[in-house]
Amino acid sequence: MDGNKKYFNRMAYKMKFIKWFGTFTSIIGSFLVAGMMPQIGYLFFVLGSLAWLIVGIVENDNALVTLNLVFFIANIFGIINYVL
């Protein structure tokens, strides 16, 4: 029983870390894009959307998965448009 509790505690800690990582990278990305540094900003946005995509998949939250999959694709287009 204690083994399961430790597993779930570790998983909860990892999910909390991924959520905060996604939050901070998305916030930083938004300021970088607004500050006319889209090449770096889009990379932060990609990291943030991937983090939240993982959270949505693990927590079986279809709305979160859909939103962040679309954000991920849009940010990839942003990177491609900026590079080309």
C-alpha atoms as a PDB file:
ATOM      1  CA  MET A   1       0.000   0.000   0.000  1.00  0.00           C
ATOM      2  CA  ASP A   2       2.806   2.433   0.850  1.00  0.00           C
ATOM      3  CA  GLY A   3       4.418   1.740  -2.514  1.00  0.00           C
ATOM      4  CA  ASN A   4       1.290   2.915  -4.337  1.00  0.00           C
ATOM      5  CA  LYS A   5       1.092   6.020  -2.176  1.00  0.00           C
ATOM      6  CA  LYS A   6       4.716   6.900  -2.946  1.00  0.00           C
ATOM      7  CA  TYR A   7       4.100   6.346  -6.674  1.00  0.00           C
ATOM      8  CA  PHE A   8       1.085   8.656  -6.682  1.00  0.00           C
ATOM      9  CA  ASN A   9       2.950  11.281  -4.657  1.00  0.00           C
ATOM     10  CA  ARG A  10       5.829  11.217  -7.163  1.00  0.00           C
ATOM     11  CA  MET A  11       3.385  11.392 -10.060  1.00  0.00           C
ATOM     12  CA  ALA A  12       1.543  14.320  -8.456  1.00  0.00           C
ATOM     13  CA  TYR A  13       4.857  16.124  -7.928  1.00  0.00           C
ATOM     14  CA  LYS A  14       5.877  15.552 -11.558  1.00  0.00           C
ATOM     15  CA  MET A  15       2.515  16.789 -12.832  1.00  0.00           C
ATOM     16  CA  LYS A  16       2.737  19.905 -10.663  1.00  0.00           C
ATOM     17  CA  PHE A  17       6.225  20.592 -12.041  1.00  0.00           C
ATOM     18  CA  ILE A  18       5.029  20.105 -15.651  1.00  0.00           C
ATOM     19  CA  LYS A  19       2.048  22.414 -15.062  1.00  0.00           C
ATOM     20  CA  TRP A  20       4.221  25.209 -13.635  1.00  0.00           C
ATOM     21  CA  PHE A  21       6.829  24.683 -16.343  1.00  0.00           C
ATOM     22  CA  GLY A  22       4.105  25.034 -18.991  1.00  0.00           C
ATOM     23  CA  THR A  23       2.694  28.103 -17.288  1.00  0.00           C
ATOM     24  CA  PHE A  24       6.010  29.926 -16.954  1.00  0.00           C
ATOM     25  CA  THR A  25       7.248  29.080 -20.460  1.00  0.00           C
ATOM     26  CA  SER A  26       3.945  30.267 -21.947  1.00  0.00           C
ATOM     27  CA  ILE A  27       4.062  33.524 -19.994  1.00  0.00           C
ATOM     28  CA  ILE A  28       7.680  34.138 -20.997  1.00  0.00           C
ATOM     29  CA  GLY A  29       6.817  33.290 -24.611  1.00  0.00           C
ATOM     30  CA  SER A  30       3.989  35.823 -24.660  1.00  0.00           C
ATOM     31  CA  PHE A  31       6.249  38.620 -23.421  1.00  0.00           C
ATOM     32  CA  LEU A  32       8.988  37.675 -25.879  1.00  0.00           C
ATOM     33  CA  VAL A  33       6.584  37.758 -28.833  1.00  0.00           C
ATOM     34  CA  ALA A  34       5.070  41.033 -27.586  1.00  0.00           C
ATOM     35  CA  GLY A  35       8.598  42.400 -27.163  1.00  0.00           C
ATOM     36  CA  MET A  36       9.385  41.775 -30.840  1.00  0.00           C
ATOM     37  CA  MET A  37      11.463  38.639 -30.237  1.00  0.00           C
ATOM     38  CA  PRO A  38       9.215  36.062 -31.897  1.00  0.00           C
ATOM     39  CA  GLN A  39      12.003  33.638 -32.813  1.00  0.00           C
ATOM     40  CA  ILE A  40      12.623  32.917 -29.119  1.00  0.00           C
ATOM     41  CA  GLY A  41       9.037  33.532 -28.014  1.00  0.00           C
ATOM     42  CA  TYR A  42       7.601  30.847 -30.278  1.00  0.00           C
ATOM     43  CA  LEU A  43      10.086  28.334 -28.895  1.00  0.00           C
ATOM     44  CA  PHE A  44       8.865  29.095 -25.369  1.00  0.00           C
ATOM     45  CA  PHE A  45       5.272  28.802 -26.585  1.00  0.00           C
ATOM     46  CA  VAL A  46       6.050  25.377 -28.091  1.00  0.00           C
ATOM     47  CA  LEU A  47       7.523  24.198 -24.788  1.00  0.00           C
ATOM     48  CA  GLY A  48       4.520  25.511 -22.878  1.00  0.00           C
ATOM     49  CA  SER A  49       1.963  23.926 -25.174  1.00  0.00           C
ATOM     50  CA  LEU A  50       3.821  20.606 -25.092  1.00  0.00           C
ATOM     51  CA  ALA A  51       3.884  20.664 -21.296  1.00  0.00           C
ATOM     52  CA  TRP A  52       0.158  21.353 -21.112  1.00  0.00           C
ATOM     53  CA  LEU A  53      -0.506  18.760 -23.809  1.00  0.00           C
ATOM     54  CA  ILE A  54       1.213  16.167 -21.603  1.00  0.00           C
ATOM     55  CA  VAL A  55      -0.892  17.252 -18.632  1.00  0.00           C
ATOM     56  CA  GLY A  56      -4.069  16.969 -20.680  1.00  0.00           C
ATOM     57  CA  ILE A  57      -3.178  13.488 -21.897  1.00  0.00           C
ATOM     58  CA  VAL A  58      -2.200  12.194 -18.446  1.00  0.00           C
ATOM     59  CA  GLU A  59      -5.287  13.699 -16.805  1.00  0.00           C
ATOM     60  CA  ASN A  60      -7.550  12.620 -19.700  1.00  0.00           C
ATOM     61  CA  ASP A  61      -8.746  16.193 -20.237  1.00  0.00           C
ATOM     62  CA  ASN A  62      -9.867  16.371 -23.863  1.00  0.00           C
ATOM     63  CA  ALA A  63     -10.446  20.134 -23.816  1.00  0.00           C
ATOM     64  CA  LEU A  64      -6.910  20.759 -22.585  1.00  0.00           C
ATOM     65  CA  VAL A  65      -5.480  18.337 -25.154  1.00  0.00           C
ATOM     66  CA  THR A  66      -7.417  19.969 -28.004  1.00  0.00           C
ATOM     67  CA  LEU A  67      -6.483  23.511 -27.002  1.00  0.00           C
ATOM     68  CA  ASN A  68      -2.794  22.808 -26.585  1.00  0.00           C
ATOM     69  CA  LEU A  69      -2.537  20.644 -29.697  1.00  0.00           C
ATOM     70  CA  VAL A  70      -3.920  23.595 -31.677  1.00  0.00           C
ATOM     71  CA  PHE A  71      -1.544  25.975 -29.859  1.00  0.00           C
ATOM     72  CA  PHE A  72       1.374  23.655 -30.613  1.00  0.00           C
ATOM     73  CA  ILE A  73       0.516  23.530 -34.330  1.00  0.00           C
ATOM     74  CA  ALA A  74      -0.014  27.314 -34.474  1.00  0.00           C
ATOM     75  CA  ASN A  75       3.343  27.917 -32.803  1.00  0.00           C
ATOM     76  CA  ILE A  76       5.093  25.574 -35.231  1.00  0.00           C
ATOM     77  CA  PHE A  77       3.542  27.606 -38.074  1.00  0.00           C
ATOM     78  CA  GLY A  78       4.801  30.759 -36.352  1.00  0.00           C
ATOM     79  CA  ILE A  79       8.334  29.387 -36.205  1.00  0.00           C
ATOM     80  CA  ILE A  80       8.176  28.283 -39.851  1.00  0.00           C
ATOM     81  CA  ASN A  81       6.831  31.671 -40.985  1.00  0.00           C
ATOM     82  CA  TYR A  82       9.489  33.515 -39.035  1.00  0.00           C
ATOM     83  CA  VAL A  83      12.335  31.376 -40.370  1.00  0.00           C
ATOM     84  CA  LEU A  84      11.112  31.478 -43.978  1.00  0.00           C
END
